[in-house]
């Protein structure tokens, strides 16, 4: 199945509750319904540290009042491998992206760059799909894990991709060095400055998502597209409605 089950979703052993704000976006906009966040990771290893990082991020997002989904890329085909990209995992990924208001991308650094698995998922997300936009106007948080010393190559590339996908990439980011040393035998992240940074990033993602929620459609309403579609501006009509869609049932 393309969706992963989050184990121990409400257990946060590395979080100090004395300093944690359960609703970091309170006062910035409506918190109802819960912000919808899609999380992607970039490794198929049995013990994938990018997956473990997004699982920690998903638990924090749940703590902050969000609705989360973790996509499992293990059955995703190569682009153009199937005619019209007609494959259940591709359809699921695109529906999840349409469902989301914000996203988290976490890639390992391999040969100084993001992995092919990470790029594969992004390559399956078109800018426009039947008049709907799977990524445009959504918020994005970028993260990476490294086997060695701290690096920012992957998060920098993810920022470029986020901009290309017309997403609102938040200023903060996470880069976990020597990720193998940051997780215990229970696959949970140990208390550290790296974990604290992930908390910071998820707080900021929730705030930006709620802050931009009422303006998401307007932010992707463009002159060039109105001109191409020969849709003249009418101040009594919300032309930006094509930028949004009702979340698919069952997602």
Protein backbone atom coordinates (compact mmCIF):
# COMPACT_ATOMS: atom_id res chain seq x y z
CA UNK A 1 0.00 0.00 0.00
CA UNK A 2 1.29 3.51 -0.83
CA UNK A 3 0.47 4.79 2.67
CA UNK A 4 2.66 3.87 5.63
CA UNK A 5 1.25 3.25 9.09
CA UNK A 6 2.78 5.48 11.74
CA UNK A 7 3.78 3.46 14.79
CA UNK A 8 3.42 5.01 18.25
CA UNK A 9 1.86 8.13 16.70
CA UNK A 10 1.30 9.91 20.00
CA UNK A 11 4.57 9.03 21.75
CA UNK A 12 7.22 11.78 21.82
CA UNK A 13 10.03 10.67 24.16
CA UNK A 14 12.54 13.27 22.91
CA UNK A 15 10.16 16.23 23.26
CA UNK A 16 10.26 18.25 26.48
CA UNK A 17 6.58 19.12 27.14
CA UNK A 18 7.60 22.06 29.34
CA UNK A 19 8.64 23.98 26.23
CA UNK A 20 6.25 22.55 23.62
CA UNK A 21 3.31 24.54 22.24
CA UNK A 22 0.51 22.23 21.16
CA UNK A 23 -1.08 24.81 18.84
CA UNK A 24 1.81 26.88 17.44
CA UNK A 25 -0.45 28.53 14.82
CA UNK A 26 -3.06 29.74 17.30
CA UNK A 27 -4.19 33.23 16.33
CA UNK A 28 -2.81 33.05 12.77
CA UNK A 29 -5.97 31.66 11.18
CA UNK A 30 -8.56 28.94 11.39
CA UNK A 31 -7.33 25.64 12.84
CA UNK A 32 -10.47 23.80 11.70
CA UNK A 33 -10.21 21.56 9.79
CA UNK A 34 -6.81 20.26 10.85
CA UNK A 35 -4.00 21.28 8.46
CA UNK A 36 -3.37 18.44 5.99
CA UNK A 37 0.32 17.52 5.59
CA UNK A 38 1.84 14.98 3.18
CA UNK A 39 5.30 13.61 4.02
CA UNK A 40 7.73 12.12 1.46
CA UNK A 41 11.05 10.37 2.11
CA UNK A 42 13.85 9.27 -0.19
CA UNK A 43 15.13 5.79 0.64
CA UNK A 44 13.86 2.22 0.36
CA UNK A 45 16.29 0.78 2.89
CA UNK A 46 14.73 -1.40 5.57
CA UNK A 47 16.06 1.07 8.14
CA UNK A 48 15.70 4.29 6.21
CA UNK A 49 16.81 7.30 8.22
CA UNK A 50 14.94 9.71 5.95
CA UNK A 51 11.80 7.69 6.68
CA UNK A 52 12.53 7.68 10.41
CA UNK A 53 12.96 11.45 10.29
CA UNK A 54 9.63 12.05 8.56
CA UNK A 55 7.97 9.68 11.02
CA UNK A 56 9.28 11.84 13.86
CA UNK A 57 8.07 14.90 11.93
CA UNK A 58 4.63 13.31 11.45
CA UNK A 59 4.30 12.62 15.18
CA UNK A 60 5.17 16.22 15.94
CA UNK A 61 2.69 17.46 13.36
CA UNK A 62 -0.02 15.31 14.95
CA UNK A 63 0.90 16.81 18.32
CA UNK A 64 0.51 20.25 16.73
CA UNK A 65 -3.01 19.35 15.56
CA UNK A 66 -2.36 18.30 11.95
CA UNK A 67 -3.72 15.49 9.82
CA UNK A 68 -0.76 13.61 8.29
CA UNK A 69 -0.16 11.07 5.53
CA UNK A 70 3.13 9.24 4.81
CA UNK A 71 3.57 8.06 1.24
CA UNK A 72 5.41 4.76 0.66
CA UNK A 73 7.35 5.03 -2.65
CA UNK A 74 8.31 1.34 -2.82
CA UNK A 75 5.82 0.48 -5.60
CA UNK A 76 6.21 3.69 -7.60
CA UNK A 77 7.23 3.04 -11.24
CA UNK A 78 9.62 5.13 -13.30
CA UNK A 79 8.11 8.11 -15.15
CA UNK A 80 6.71 7.07 -18.55
CA UNK A 81 7.11 3.39 -17.66
CA UNK A 82 3.34 3.05 -17.94
CA UNK A 83 1.34 4.76 -20.66
CA UNK A 84 -0.16 7.95 -19.29
CA UNK A 85 1.43 7.16 -15.90
CA UNK A 86 -1.56 4.88 -15.35
CA UNK A 87 -0.40 3.13 -12.19
CA UNK A 88 -2.12 2.85 -8.78
CA UNK A 89 0.86 4.28 -6.85
CA UNK A 90 1.09 7.28 -9.20
CA UNK A 91 -2.63 7.97 -8.83
CA UNK A 92 -2.35 7.68 -5.05
CA UNK A 93 0.60 10.07 -4.85
CA UNK A 94 -1.16 12.67 -6.97
CA UNK A 95 -4.40 12.40 -4.98
CA UNK A 96 -2.47 12.77 -1.74
CA UNK A 97 -0.73 15.85 -3.10
CA UNK A 98 -4.08 17.35 -4.07
CA UNK A 99 -5.38 16.50 -0.59
CA UNK A 100 -2.47 18.24 1.13
CA UNK A 101 -2.16 21.85 2.20
CA UNK A 102 1.50 21.46 3.08
CA UNK A 103 4.26 18.92 2.52
CA UNK A 104 7.50 17.66 4.09
CA UNK A 105 10.28 16.34 1.84
CA UNK A 106 13.24 14.51 3.40
CA UNK A 107 16.05 13.02 1.30
CA UNK A 108 19.29 11.30 2.16
CA UNK A 109 22.38 12.84 0.61
CA UNK A 110 23.89 10.40 -1.88
CA UNK A 111 26.87 11.41 -4.00
CA UNK A 112 26.35 14.95 -2.79
CA UNK A 113 22.72 15.16 -3.93
CA UNK A 114 19.16 13.99 -3.34
CA UNK A 115 18.38 10.38 -4.14
CA UNK A 116 16.66 9.08 -7.25
CA UNK A 117 13.77 7.86 -5.08
CA UNK A 118 13.16 11.40 -3.87
CA UNK A 119 13.32 12.89 -7.37
CA UNK A 120 11.11 10.09 -8.70
CA UNK A 121 8.25 11.13 -6.45
CA UNK A 122 8.54 14.79 -7.41
CA UNK A 123 8.76 13.87 -11.10
CA UNK A 124 5.38 12.15 -10.82
CA UNK A 125 3.72 15.39 -9.62
CA UNK A 126 2.67 17.56 -12.59
CA UNK A 127 2.31 21.31 -12.27
CA UNK A 128 -1.21 21.05 -13.65
CA UNK A 129 -3.53 18.06 -13.85
CA UNK A 130 -6.98 18.40 -15.34
CA UNK A 131 -7.21 22.04 -14.29
CA UNK A 132 -6.05 21.22 -10.75
CA UNK A 133 -2.60 21.81 -9.29
CA UNK A 134 -1.11 19.11 -7.05
CA UNK A 135 1.65 21.28 -5.57
CA UNK A 136 1.11 24.96 -6.37
CA UNK A 137 0.35 27.21 -3.42
CA UNK A 138 1.12 24.54 -0.84
CA UNK A 139 3.66 25.04 1.91
CA UNK A 140 6.83 22.94 1.99
CA UNK A 141 9.42 22.03 4.62
CA UNK A 142 12.70 20.45 3.44
CA UNK A 143 14.94 18.07 5.40
CA UNK A 144 17.92 15.83 4.76
CA UNK A 145 19.94 13.11 6.45
CA UNK A 146 23.64 12.46 5.95
CA UNK A 147 25.90 9.52 6.74
CA UNK A 148 28.83 11.82 7.48
CA UNK A 149 29.32 15.43 8.48
CA UNK A 150 26.54 17.96 8.17
CA UNK A 151 25.76 19.08 4.64
CA UNK A 152 23.09 21.17 2.97
CA UNK A 153 23.32 19.91 -0.62
CA UNK A 154 20.06 17.96 -0.52
CA UNK A 155 18.00 20.64 1.21
CA UNK A 156 19.32 23.23 -1.24
CA UNK A 157 18.23 21.06 -4.18
CA UNK A 158 14.85 20.42 -2.56
CA UNK A 159 14.41 24.18 -2.25
CA UNK A 160 15.08 24.57 -5.99
CA UNK A 161 12.53 21.84 -6.73
CA UNK A 162 9.99 23.36 -4.35
CA UNK A 163 10.32 26.71 -6.11
CA UNK A 164 9.96 24.98 -9.49
CA UNK A 165 6.79 23.26 -8.24
CA UNK A 166 5.53 26.73 -7.18
CA UNK A 167 5.35 25.85 -3.52
CA UNK A 168 5.87 28.19 -0.56
CA UNK A 169 9.05 26.75 0.96
CA UNK A 170 9.42 27.87 4.57
CA UNK A 171 12.69 29.53 5.70
CA UNK A 172 13.71 26.92 8.29
CA UNK A 173 15.14 23.51 7.38
CA UNK A 174 16.67 20.41 8.97
CA UNK A 175 19.94 18.62 8.17
CA UNK A 176 20.80 15.61 10.36
CA UNK A 177 24.47 14.59 10.26
CA UNK A 178 25.60 11.02 11.04
CA UNK A 179 21.96 10.00 11.16
CA UNK A 180 22.88 6.43 12.14
CA UNK A 181 23.98 7.77 15.54
CA UNK A 182 20.80 9.77 16.16
CA UNK A 183 18.35 6.87 16.48
CA UNK A 184 18.07 4.20 19.14
CA UNK A 185 17.39 0.50 18.66
CA UNK A 186 13.68 1.31 18.88
CA UNK A 187 14.04 3.48 15.71
CA UNK A 188 13.14 6.58 17.68
CA UNK A 189 15.24 9.73 17.52
CA UNK A 190 17.31 10.55 20.57
CA UNK A 191 17.08 13.97 22.28
CA UNK A 192 19.56 16.28 20.53
CA UNK A 193 19.93 19.63 18.83
CA UNK A 194 19.03 17.84 15.57
CA UNK A 195 15.71 16.71 17.02
CA UNK A 196 15.08 20.19 18.40
CA UNK A 197 15.60 21.63 14.90
CA UNK A 198 12.99 19.24 13.49
CA UNK A 199 10.57 20.51 16.15
CA UNK A 200 11.37 24.09 15.07
CA UNK A 201 10.79 23.26 11.40
CA UNK A 202 7.46 21.53 12.04
CA UNK A 203 6.25 24.42 14.21
CA UNK A 204 7.10 26.83 11.41
CA UNK A 205 5.45 24.66 8.76
CA UNK A 206 2.19 24.60 10.74
CA UNK A 207 2.29 28.37 11.20
CA UNK A 208 2.90 29.11 7.52
CA UNK A 209 0.26 26.58 6.43
CA UNK A 210 -2.42 28.10 8.65
CA UNK A 211 -1.34 31.66 7.84
CA UNK A 212 -1.56 31.08 4.08
CA UNK A 213 -4.63 28.82 4.19
CA UNK A 214 -7.20 31.51 3.28
CA UNK A 215 -4.95 32.92 0.53
CA UNK A 216 -3.69 29.71 -1.16
CA UNK A 217 -5.96 30.04 -4.20
CA UNK A 218 -5.21 33.71 -4.75
CA UNK A 219 -1.45 33.11 -4.55
CA UNK A 220 -1.54 30.90 -7.66
CA UNK A 221 -3.93 33.03 -9.74
CA UNK A 222 -1.81 34.25 -12.69
CA UNK A 223 -2.22 36.78 -15.47
CA UNK A 224 -0.46 34.54 -18.02
CA UNK A 225 -2.83 31.63 -17.37
CA UNK A 226 -5.93 33.85 -17.50
CA UNK A 227 -4.67 35.22 -20.80
CA UNK A 228 -3.93 31.76 -22.23
CA UNK A 229 -7.39 30.56 -21.23
CA UNK A 230 -8.93 33.81 -22.54
CA UNK A 231 -10.61 34.41 -19.20
CA UNK A 232 -11.01 38.14 -18.74
CA UNK A 233 -10.79 39.55 -15.25
CA UNK A 234 -14.12 39.99 -13.54
CA UNK A 235 -13.89 41.48 -10.02
CA UNK A 236 -17.15 39.77 -9.08
CA UNK A 237 -15.75 36.32 -9.93
CA UNK A 238 -13.15 34.32 -8.03
CA UNK A 239 -10.91 33.33 -10.93
CA UNK A 240 -8.49 31.60 -8.61
CA UNK A 241 -10.95 28.81 -7.81
CA UNK A 242 -9.25 26.59 -10.41
CA UNK A 243 -6.23 26.43 -8.11
CA UNK A 244 -8.02 24.43 -5.44
CA UNK A 245 -9.97 21.23 -5.27
CA UNK A 246 -12.12 19.46 -2.74
CA UNK A 247 -10.00 16.80 -0.95
CA UNK A 248 -10.68 13.38 -2.59
CA UNK A 249 -12.86 10.99 -0.61
CA UNK A 250 -11.08 8.38 1.43
CA UNK A 251 -7.68 10.07 1.28
